Amino acid sequence: MQRPESTLPISEVFLSLQGEGVHAGTPSVFLRTYHCNLTCSWCDSKYTWQNQEKAVSGVDYYLRTVEAIREQIASYGCKHLVLTGGEPLLHQRSLLPILSSLKTDGFYIEVETNGTISPDPELVELVDCFNVSPKTSNSGVEEALRTRPRSMRAFIDTQKAWFKFVVGRDSDIVEAEDLISRFEIPRERVLLMPEGTDARVLSERSAWLALACRDKGFRFTPRLHILLFGNVRGT
């Protein structure tokens, strides 16, 4: 059954600190949608897609009206919104009324996406920052699914996108460099982030990855939410 565009499947809405990217450390309201079009092996929010073929409303996700979602976001008193998932651009038409209303109220809006779905022009107008995370082979997803040239170029054309690559080993940086060259991604818009869901692993990988960022001219981004709170929901 197709759901009305006035509703949205939600995994969670919460107040925390942005843990990654150029706004790491910023108090933010997170709106995490349900459903994803990729199945990355190291994903730390598999609860947004792992059971999606048989998902049940009220169990795996919550089907809420856009007005109820907007009111909850506004209730936190924090005007920095991070739209994440899953893959939030699967729902971009339904999200437009929420984002339009919040933008009118003075919200800064950033969107976290895997970069496989082109943003509609209406969405681009409302969003201040796209955090695009192109996937490499370490995700376990075949290349034809994880790399969509038209979508990648669409994000570059917005001039609002930052590109974050998840790195666990040296070969991941080689793959990232290949994508950067292939799509002519501005190097000053690239961030490398260590893969890991516990503080020990992140610390070990951060040490050498930070040096690689220094030497190659990329930004380094931590995973503050993991370091501060652990790998738990609502952070």
C-alpha atoms as a PDB file:
ATOM      1  CA  MET A   1       0.000   0.000   0.000  1.00  0.00           C
ATOM      2  CA  GLN A   2       1.348   3.400  -0.976  1.00  0.00           C
ATOM      3  CA  ARG A   3       1.482   5.878   1.893  1.00  0.00           C
ATOM      4  CA  PRO A   4       0.154   9.453   1.580  1.00  0.00           C
ATOM      5  CA  GLU A   5       2.772  12.137   0.878  1.00  0.00           C
ATOM      6  CA  SER A   6       1.545  13.905   4.024  1.00  0.00           C
ATOM      7  CA  THR A   7       3.125  11.153   6.138  1.00  0.00           C
ATOM      8  CA  LEU A   8       6.690   9.990   6.596  1.00  0.00           C
ATOM      9  CA  PRO A   9       8.266   6.776   7.989  1.00  0.00           C
ATOM     10  CA  ILE A  10      10.528   7.847  10.850  1.00  0.00           C
ATOM     11  CA  SER A  11      13.088   5.895  12.846  1.00  0.00           C
ATOM     12  CA  GLU A  12      13.800   8.583  15.432  1.00  0.00           C
ATOM     13  CA  VAL A  13      13.920  12.292  16.188  1.00  0.00           C
ATOM     14  CA  PHE A  14      16.349  13.520  18.852  1.00  0.00           C
ATOM     15  CA  LEU A  15      18.559  16.355  20.069  1.00  0.00           C
ATOM     16  CA  SER A  16      22.312  15.794  20.204  1.00  0.00           C
ATOM     17  CA  LEU A  17      25.597  17.086  18.798  1.00  0.00           C
ATOM     18  CA  GLN A  18      26.495  16.634  15.159  1.00  0.00           C
ATOM     19  CA  GLY A  19      29.212  13.996  15.318  1.00  0.00           C
ATOM     20  CA  GLU A  20      30.685  14.168  11.819  1.00  0.00           C
ATOM     21  CA  GLY A  21      31.574  16.508   9.002  1.00  0.00           C
ATOM     22  CA  VAL A  22      32.217  20.238   8.812  1.00  0.00           C
ATOM     23  CA  HIS A  23      29.670  20.949  11.564  1.00  0.00           C
ATOM     24  CA  ALA A  24      30.960  18.381  14.058  1.00  0.00           C
ATOM     25  CA  GLY A  25      30.229  19.512  17.594  1.00  0.00           C
ATOM     26  CA  THR A  26      27.209  21.644  16.652  1.00  0.00           C
ATOM     27  CA  PRO A  27      24.042  21.168  18.756  1.00  0.00           C
ATOM     28  CA  SER A  28      21.541  19.715  16.312  1.00  0.00           C
ATOM     29  CA  VAL A  29      18.111  18.152  16.005  1.00  0.00           C
ATOM     30  CA  PHE A  30      18.279  14.879  14.083  1.00  0.00           C
ATOM     31  CA  LEU A  31      15.445  13.628  11.914  1.00  0.00           C
ATOM     32  CA  ARG A  32      16.237  10.039  10.929  1.00  0.00           C
ATOM     33  CA  THR A  33      14.020   8.578   8.235  1.00  0.00           C
ATOM     34  CA  TYR A  34      13.359   4.892   7.614  1.00  0.00           C
ATOM     35  CA  HIS A  35      14.336   2.941   4.440  1.00  0.00           C
ATOM     36  CA  CYS A  36      17.598   2.856   2.495  1.00  0.00           C
ATOM     37  CA  ASN A  37      18.524   1.861  -1.043  1.00  0.00           C
ATOM     38  CA  LEU A  38      21.950   0.502   0.001  1.00  0.00           C
ATOM     39  CA  THR A  39      23.017  -2.187   2.485  1.00  0.00           C
ATOM     40  CA  CYS A  40      26.496  -1.193   3.648  1.00  0.00           C
ATOM     41  CA  SER A  41      28.201  -3.886   5.710  1.00  0.00           C
ATOM     42  CA  TRP A  42      29.552  -1.439   8.322  1.00  0.00           C
ATOM     43  CA  CYS A  43      26.378   0.676   8.586  1.00  0.00           C
ATOM     44  CA  ASP A  44      25.733   1.758  12.188  1.00  0.00           C
ATOM     45  CA  SER A  45      22.023   2.388  11.602  1.00  0.00           C
ATOM     46  CA  LYS A  46      20.951  -0.918  10.090  1.00  0.00           C
ATOM     47  CA  TYR A  47      17.711  -0.625  12.030  1.00  0.00           C
ATOM     48  CA  THR A  48      16.600   1.836   9.334  1.00  0.00           C
ATOM     49  CA  TRP A  49      16.673  -0.772   6.547  1.00  0.00           C
ATOM     50  CA  GLN A  50      17.531  -4.296   7.693  1.00  0.00           C
ATOM     51  CA  ASN A  51      13.895  -5.441   7.885  1.00  0.00           C
ATOM     52  CA  GLN A  52      12.442  -2.986   5.387  1.00  0.00           C
ATOM     53  CA  GLU A  53      10.845  -5.587   3.085  1.00  0.00           C
ATOM     54  CA  LYS A  54       8.651  -6.762   5.975  1.00  0.00           C
ATOM     55  CA  ALA A  55       8.694  -3.630   8.117  1.00  0.00           C
ATOM     56  CA  VAL A  56       5.706  -2.950  10.337  1.00  0.00           C
ATOM     57  CA  SER A  57       4.570   0.546  11.272  1.00  0.00           C
ATOM     58  CA  GLY A  58       4.797   1.084  15.021  1.00  0.00           C
ATOM     59  CA  VAL A  59       7.449  -1.627  15.343  1.00  0.00           C
ATOM     60  CA  ASP A  60      10.231  -1.008  12.813  1.00  0.00           C
ATOM     61  CA  TYR A  61       9.346   2.631  12.208  1.00  0.00           C
ATOM     62  CA  TYR A  62       6.726   5.243  13.015  1.00  0.00           C
ATOM     63  CA  LEU A  63       4.444   6.643  10.319  1.00  0.00           C
ATOM     64  CA  ARG A  64       3.867  10.260  11.299  1.00  0.00           C
ATOM     65  CA  THR A  65       2.299  13.279   9.667  1.00  0.00           C
ATOM     66  CA  VAL A  66       4.620  15.973   8.401  1.00  0.00           C
ATOM     67  CA  GLU A  67       2.981  18.483  10.744  1.00  0.00           C
ATOM     68  CA  ALA A  68       3.611  16.304  13.814  1.00  0.00           C
ATOM     69  CA  ILE A  69       7.242  15.877  12.766  1.00  0.00           C
ATOM     70  CA  ARG A  70       7.694  19.607  12.223  1.00  0.00           C
ATOM     71  CA  GLU A  71       6.225  20.372  15.650  1.00  0.00           C
ATOM     72  CA  GLN A  72       8.525  17.896  17.395  1.00  0.00           C
ATOM     73  CA  ILE A  73      11.609  19.309  15.672  1.00  0.00           C
ATOM     74  CA  ALA A  74      10.620  22.860  16.595  1.00  0.00           C
ATOM     75  CA  SER A  75       9.950  21.866  20.215  1.00  0.00           C
ATOM     76  CA  TYR A  76      13.659  21.332  20.988  1.00  0.00           C
ATOM     77  CA  GLY A  77      14.490  25.016  20.627  1.00  0.00           C
ATOM     78  CA  CYS A  78      17.531  24.245  18.480  1.00  0.00           C
ATOM     79  CA  LYS A  79      17.570  25.628  14.935  1.00  0.00           C
ATOM     80  CA  HIS A  80      20.154  23.343  13.362  1.00  0.00           C
ATOM     81  CA  LEU A  81      18.544  20.339  11.663  1.00  0.00           C
ATOM     82  CA  VAL A  82      20.382  17.244  10.436  1.00  0.00           C
ATOM     83  CA  LEU A  83      18.278  15.125   8.104  1.00  0.00           C
ATOM     84  CA  THR A  84      19.659  11.602   8.010  1.00  0.00           C
ATOM     85  CA  GLY A  85      18.669   7.974   7.553  1.00  0.00           C
ATOM     86  CA  GLY A  86      18.610   5.422   6.054  1.00  0.00           C
ATOM     87  CA  GLU A  87      18.545   7.426   2.879  1.00  0.00           C
ATOM     88  CA  PRO A  88      16.420  10.550   3.386  1.00  0.00           C
ATOM     89  CA  LEU A  89      16.282  11.464  -0.309  1.00  0.00           C
ATOM     90  CA  LEU A  90      13.990   8.484  -0.856  1.00  0.00           C
ATOM     91  CA  HIS A  91      11.381  10.740   0.794  1.00  0.00           C
ATOM     92  CA  GLN A  92      12.352  14.139  -0.552  1.00  0.00           C
ATOM     93  CA  ARG A  93       8.891  15.043  -1.878  1.00  0.00           C
ATOM     94  CA  SER A  94       7.285  14.399   1.515  1.00  0.00           C
ATOM     95  CA  LEU A  95      10.080  16.272   3.297  1.00  0.00           C
ATOM     96  CA  LEU A  96       9.639  19.512   1.352  1.00  0.00           C
ATOM     97  CA  PRO A  97       6.744  20.913   3.471  1.00  0.00           C
ATOM     98  CA  ILE A  98       8.646  20.223   6.702  1.00  0.00           C
ATOM     99  CA  LEU A  99      11.882  21.789   5.494  1.00  0.00           C
ATOM    100  CA  SER A 100      10.104  24.758   3.927  1.00  0.00           C
ATOM    101  CA  SER A 101       8.333  25.550   7.191  1.00  0.00           C
ATOM    102  CA  LEU A 102      11.511  25.150   9.262  1.00  0.00           C
ATOM    103  CA  LYS A 103      13.491  27.282   6.829  1.00  0.00           C
ATOM    104  CA  THR A 104      10.930  30.058   7.236  1.00  0.00           C
ATOM    105  CA  ASP A 105      11.492  29.784  10.991  1.00  0.00           C
ATOM    106  CA  GLY A 106      15.235  30.347  10.561  1.00  0.00           C
ATOM    107  CA  PHE A 107      16.575  26.785  10.635  1.00  0.00           C
ATOM    108  CA  TYR A 108      19.946  25.790   9.190  1.00  0.00           C
ATOM    109  CA  ILE A 109      19.370  22.529   7.309  1.00  0.00           C
ATOM    110  CA  GLU A 110      21.951  19.891   6.462  1.00  0.00           C
ATOM    111  CA  VAL A 111      21.220  16.589   4.744  1.00  0.00           C
ATOM    112  CA  GLU A 112      23.223  13.374   5.030  1.00  0.00           C
ATOM    113  CA  THR A 113      22.970  11.203   1.911  1.00  0.00           C
ATOM    114  CA  ASN A 114      24.790   8.369   0.150  1.00  0.00           C
ATOM    115  CA  GLY A 115      24.800  10.369  -3.083  1.00  0.00           C
ATOM    116  CA  THR A 116      22.883   7.891  -5.254  1.00  0.00           C
ATOM    117  CA  ILE A 117      19.686   9.950  -5.641  1.00  0.00           C
ATOM    118  CA  SER A 118      19.728  13.362  -7.303  1.00  0.00           C
ATOM    119  CA  PRO A 119      18.202  16.152  -5.198  1.00  0.00           C
ATOM    120  CA  ASP A 120      15.177  17.928  -6.636  1.00  0.00           C
ATOM    121  CA  PRO A 121      15.685  21.653  -7.343  1.00  0.00           C
ATOM    122  CA  GLU A 122      13.108  22.497  -4.647  1.00  0.00           C
ATOM    123  CA  LEU A 123      15.149  20.579  -2.084  1.00  0.00           C
ATOM    124  CA  VAL A 124      18.413  22.226  -3.132  1.00  0.00           C
ATOM    125  CA  GLU A 125      16.846  25.632  -2.500  1.00  0.00           C
ATOM    126  CA  LEU A 126      15.976  24.717   1.084  1.00  0.00           C
ATOM    127  CA  VAL A 127      19.153  22.880   2.101  1.00  0.00           C
ATOM    128  CA  ASP A 128      22.236  24.730   3.369  1.00  0.00           C
ATOM    129  CA  CYS A 129      24.627  21.790   3.334  1.00  0.00           C
ATOM    130  CA  PHE A 130      24.667  18.328   1.765  1.00  0.00           C
ATOM    131  CA  ASN A 131      26.914  15.775   3.485  1.00  0.00           C
ATOM    132  CA  VAL A 132      27.441  13.280   0.667  1.00  0.00           C
ATOM    133  CA  SER A 133      29.043   9.957   1.569  1.00  0.00           C
ATOM    134  CA  PRO A 134      30.024   8.075  -1.611  1.00  0.00           C
ATOM    135  CA  LYS A 135      30.593   4.405  -0.893  1.00  0.00           C
ATOM    136  CA  THR A 136      33.678   2.411  -1.814  1.00  0.00           C
ATOM    137  CA  SER A 137      34.095  -1.372  -2.020  1.00  0.00           C
ATOM    138  CA  ASN A 138      34.534  -1.591   1.757  1.00  0.00           C
ATOM    139  CA  SER A 139      30.741  -1.151   1.982  1.00  0.00           C
ATOM    140  CA  GLY A 140      30.132  -4.554   0.391  1.00  0.00           C
ATOM    141  CA  VAL A 141      27.730  -2.950  -2.121  1.00  0.00           C
ATOM    142  CA  GLU A 142      28.298  -3.527  -5.833  1.00  0.00           C
ATOM    143  CA  GLU A 143      29.604  -0.517  -7.722  1.00  0.00           C
ATOM    144  CA  ALA A 144      26.628  -0.150 -10.057  1.00  0.00           C
ATOM    145  CA  LEU A 145      24.387   0.447  -7.039  1.00  0.00           C
ATOM    146  CA  ARG A 146      26.670   2.623  -4.914  1.00  0.00           C
ATOM    147  CA  THR A 147      28.085   4.938  -7.590  1.00  0.00           C
ATOM    148  CA  ARG A 148      25.614   6.923  -9.723  1.00  0.00           C
ATOM    149  CA  PRO A 149      27.448   9.428 -11.944  1.00  0.00           C
ATOM    150  CA  ARG A 150      24.426  11.623 -12.673  1.00  0.00           C
ATOM    151  CA  SER A 151      23.607  11.984  -8.973  1.00  0.00           C
ATOM    152  CA  MET A 152      27.214  12.669  -7.999  1.00  0.00           C
ATOM    153  CA  ARG A 153      27.452  15.456 -10.559  1.00  0.00           C
ATOM    154  CA  ALA A 154      24.121  16.872  -9.408  1.00  0.00           C
ATOM    155  CA  PHE A 155      25.463  17.239  -5.861  1.00  0.00           C
ATOM    156  CA  ILE A 156      28.686  18.829  -7.074  1.00  0.00           C
ATOM    157  CA  ASP A 157      26.638  21.312  -9.116  1.00  0.00           C
ATOM    158  CA  THR A 158      24.733  22.472  -6.013  1.00  0.00           C
ATOM    159  CA  GLN A 159      27.990  23.953  -4.648  1.00  0.00           C
ATOM    160  CA  LYS A 160      26.553  23.071  -1.233  1.00  0.00           C
ATOM    161  CA  ALA A 161      28.008  19.575  -0.928  1.00  0.00           C
ATOM    162  CA  TRP A 162      30.833  18.152   1.146  1.00  0.00           C
ATOM    163  CA  PHE A 163      32.043  14.642   0.330  1.00  0.00           C
ATOM    164  CA  LYS A 164      32.841  12.267   3.173  1.00  0.00           C
ATOM    165  CA  PHE A 165      34.610   8.942   2.609  1.00  0.00           C
ATOM    166  CA  VAL A 166      34.603   6.160   5.198  1.00  0.00           C
ATOM    167  CA  VAL A 167      38.123   4.757   5.588  1.00  0.00           C
ATOM    168  CA  GLY A 168      39.259   1.570   7.297  1.00  0.00           C
ATOM    169  CA  ARG A 169      42.487   0.855   5.414  1.00  0.00           C
ATOM    170  CA  ASP A 170      44.914   2.434   2.956  1.00  0.00           C
ATOM    171  CA  SER A 171      43.182   0.942  -0.093  1.00  0.00           C
ATOM    172  CA  ASP A 172      40.021   2.861   0.813  1.00  0.00           C
ATOM    173  CA  ILE A 173      41.920   6.118   0.337  1.00  0.00           C
ATOM    174  CA  VAL A 174      43.078   4.915  -3.090  1.00  0.00           C
ATOM    175  CA  GLU A 175      39.452   4.269  -4.073  1.00  0.00           C
ATOM    176  CA  ALA A 176      38.398   7.656  -2.721  1.00  0.00           C
ATOM    177  CA  GLU A 177      41.128   9.338  -4.754  1.00  0.00           C
ATOM    178  CA  ASP A 178      39.835   7.559  -7.863  1.00  0.00           C
ATOM    179  CA  LEU A 179      36.287   8.836  -7.314  1.00  0.00           C
ATOM    180  CA  ILE A 180      37.557  12.337  -6.573  1.00  0.00           C
ATOM    181  CA  SER A 181      39.457  12.349  -9.863  1.00  0.00           C
ATOM    182  CA  ARG A 182      36.660  10.714 -11.838  1.00  0.00           C
ATOM    183  CA  PHE A 183      34.006  13.224 -10.795  1.00  0.00           C
ATOM    184  CA  GLU A 184      36.353  16.196 -10.372  1.00  0.00           C
ATOM    185  CA  ILE A 185      35.320  16.683  -6.751  1.00  0.00           C
ATOM    186  CA  PRO A 186      37.060  19.746  -5.262  1.00  0.00           C
ATOM    187  CA  ARG A 187      39.693  18.381  -2.862  1.00  0.00           C
ATOM    188  CA  GLU A 188      38.956  21.146  -0.366  1.00  0.00           C
ATOM    189  CA  ARG A 189      35.426  19.713  -0.136  1.00  0.00           C
ATOM    190  CA  VAL A 190      36.599  16.203   0.793  1.00  0.00           C
ATOM    191  CA  LEU A 191      36.640  14.718   4.290  1.00  0.00           C
ATOM    192  CA  LEU A 192      38.029  11.355   5.360  1.00  0.00           C
ATOM    193  CA  MET A 193      36.453   9.621   8.343  1.00  0.00           C
ATOM    194  CA  PRO A 194      37.660   6.509  10.192  1.00  0.00           C
ATOM    195  CA  GLU A 195      35.320   3.537  10.085  1.00  0.00           C
ATOM    196  CA  GLY A 196      34.441   2.094  13.470  1.00  0.00           C
ATOM    197  CA  THR A 197      31.763   1.833  16.121  1.00  0.00           C
ATOM    198  CA  ASP A 198      33.880   1.800  19.280  1.00  0.00           C
ATOM    199  CA  ALA A 199      36.348   4.272  20.738  1.00  0.00           C
ATOM    200  CA  ARG A 200      39.380   1.963  20.593  1.00  0.00           C
ATOM    201  CA  VAL A 201      39.088   1.224  16.884  1.00  0.00           C
ATOM    202  CA  LEU A 202      38.368   4.862  16.078  1.00  0.00           C
ATOM    203  CA  SER A 203      41.389   6.009  18.068  1.00  0.00           C
ATOM    204  CA  GLU A 204      43.698   3.576  16.273  1.00  0.00           C
ATOM    205  CA  ARG A 205      42.431   4.475  12.812  1.00  0.00           C
ATOM    206  CA  SER A 206      42.265   8.200  13.522  1.00  0.00           C
ATOM    207  CA  ALA A 207      45.981   8.359  14.319  1.00  0.00           C
ATOM    208  CA  TRP A 208      47.160   7.325  10.853  1.00  0.00           C
ATOM    209  CA  LEU A 209      44.190   8.735   8.938  1.00  0.00           C
ATOM    210  CA  ALA A 210      44.757  12.230  10.350  1.00  0.00           C
ATOM    211  CA  LEU A 211      48.324  12.122   9.020  1.00  0.00           C
ATOM    212  CA  ALA A 212      47.065  10.942   5.624  1.00  0.00           C
ATOM    213  CA  CYS A 213      44.639  13.878   5.527  1.00  0.00           C
ATOM    214  CA  ARG A 214      47.463  16.265   6.361  1.00  0.00           C
ATOM    215  CA  ASP A 215      49.698  14.894   3.628  1.00  0.00           C
ATOM    216  CA  LYS A 216      46.999  14.688   0.948  1.00  0.00           C
ATOM    217  CA  GLY A 217      45.237  17.970   1.697  1.00  0.00           C
ATOM    218  CA  PHE A 218      41.918  16.513   2.866  1.00  0.00           C
ATOM    219  CA  ARG A 219      39.898  17.393   5.935  1.00  0.00           C
ATOM    220  CA  PHE A 220      39.689  14.874   8.762  1.00  0.00           C
ATOM    221  CA  THR A 221      36.394  14.255  10.499  1.00  0.00           C
ATOM    222  CA  PRO A 222      35.945  12.334  13.761  1.00  0.00           C
ATOM    223  CA  ARG A 223      32.904  10.391  14.903  1.00  0.00           C
ATOM    224  CA  LEU A 224      32.223  12.417  18.043  1.00  0.00           C
ATOM    225  CA  HIS A 225      28.927  10.719  18.893  1.00  0.00           C
ATOM    226  CA  ILE A 226      30.681   7.334  19.117  1.00  0.00           C
ATOM    227  CA  LEU A 227      33.542   8.734  21.181  1.00  0.00           C
ATOM    228  CA  LEU A 228      31.192  10.585  23.556  1.00  0.00           C
ATOM    229  CA  PHE A 229      28.213   8.260  23.877  1.00  0.00           C
ATOM    230  CA  GLY A 230      29.096   4.911  22.314  1.00  0.00           C
ATOM    231  CA  ASN A 231      27.249   3.178  19.501  1.00  0.00           C
ATOM    232  CA  VAL A 232      23.715   3.769  20.762  1.00  0.00           C
ATOM    233  CA  ARG A 233      20.578   5.209  19.214  1.00  0.00           C
ATOM    234  CA  GLY A 234      19.441   8.736  19.918  1.00  0.00           C
ATOM    235  CA  THR A 235      22.929  10.282  19.920  1.00  0.00           C
END
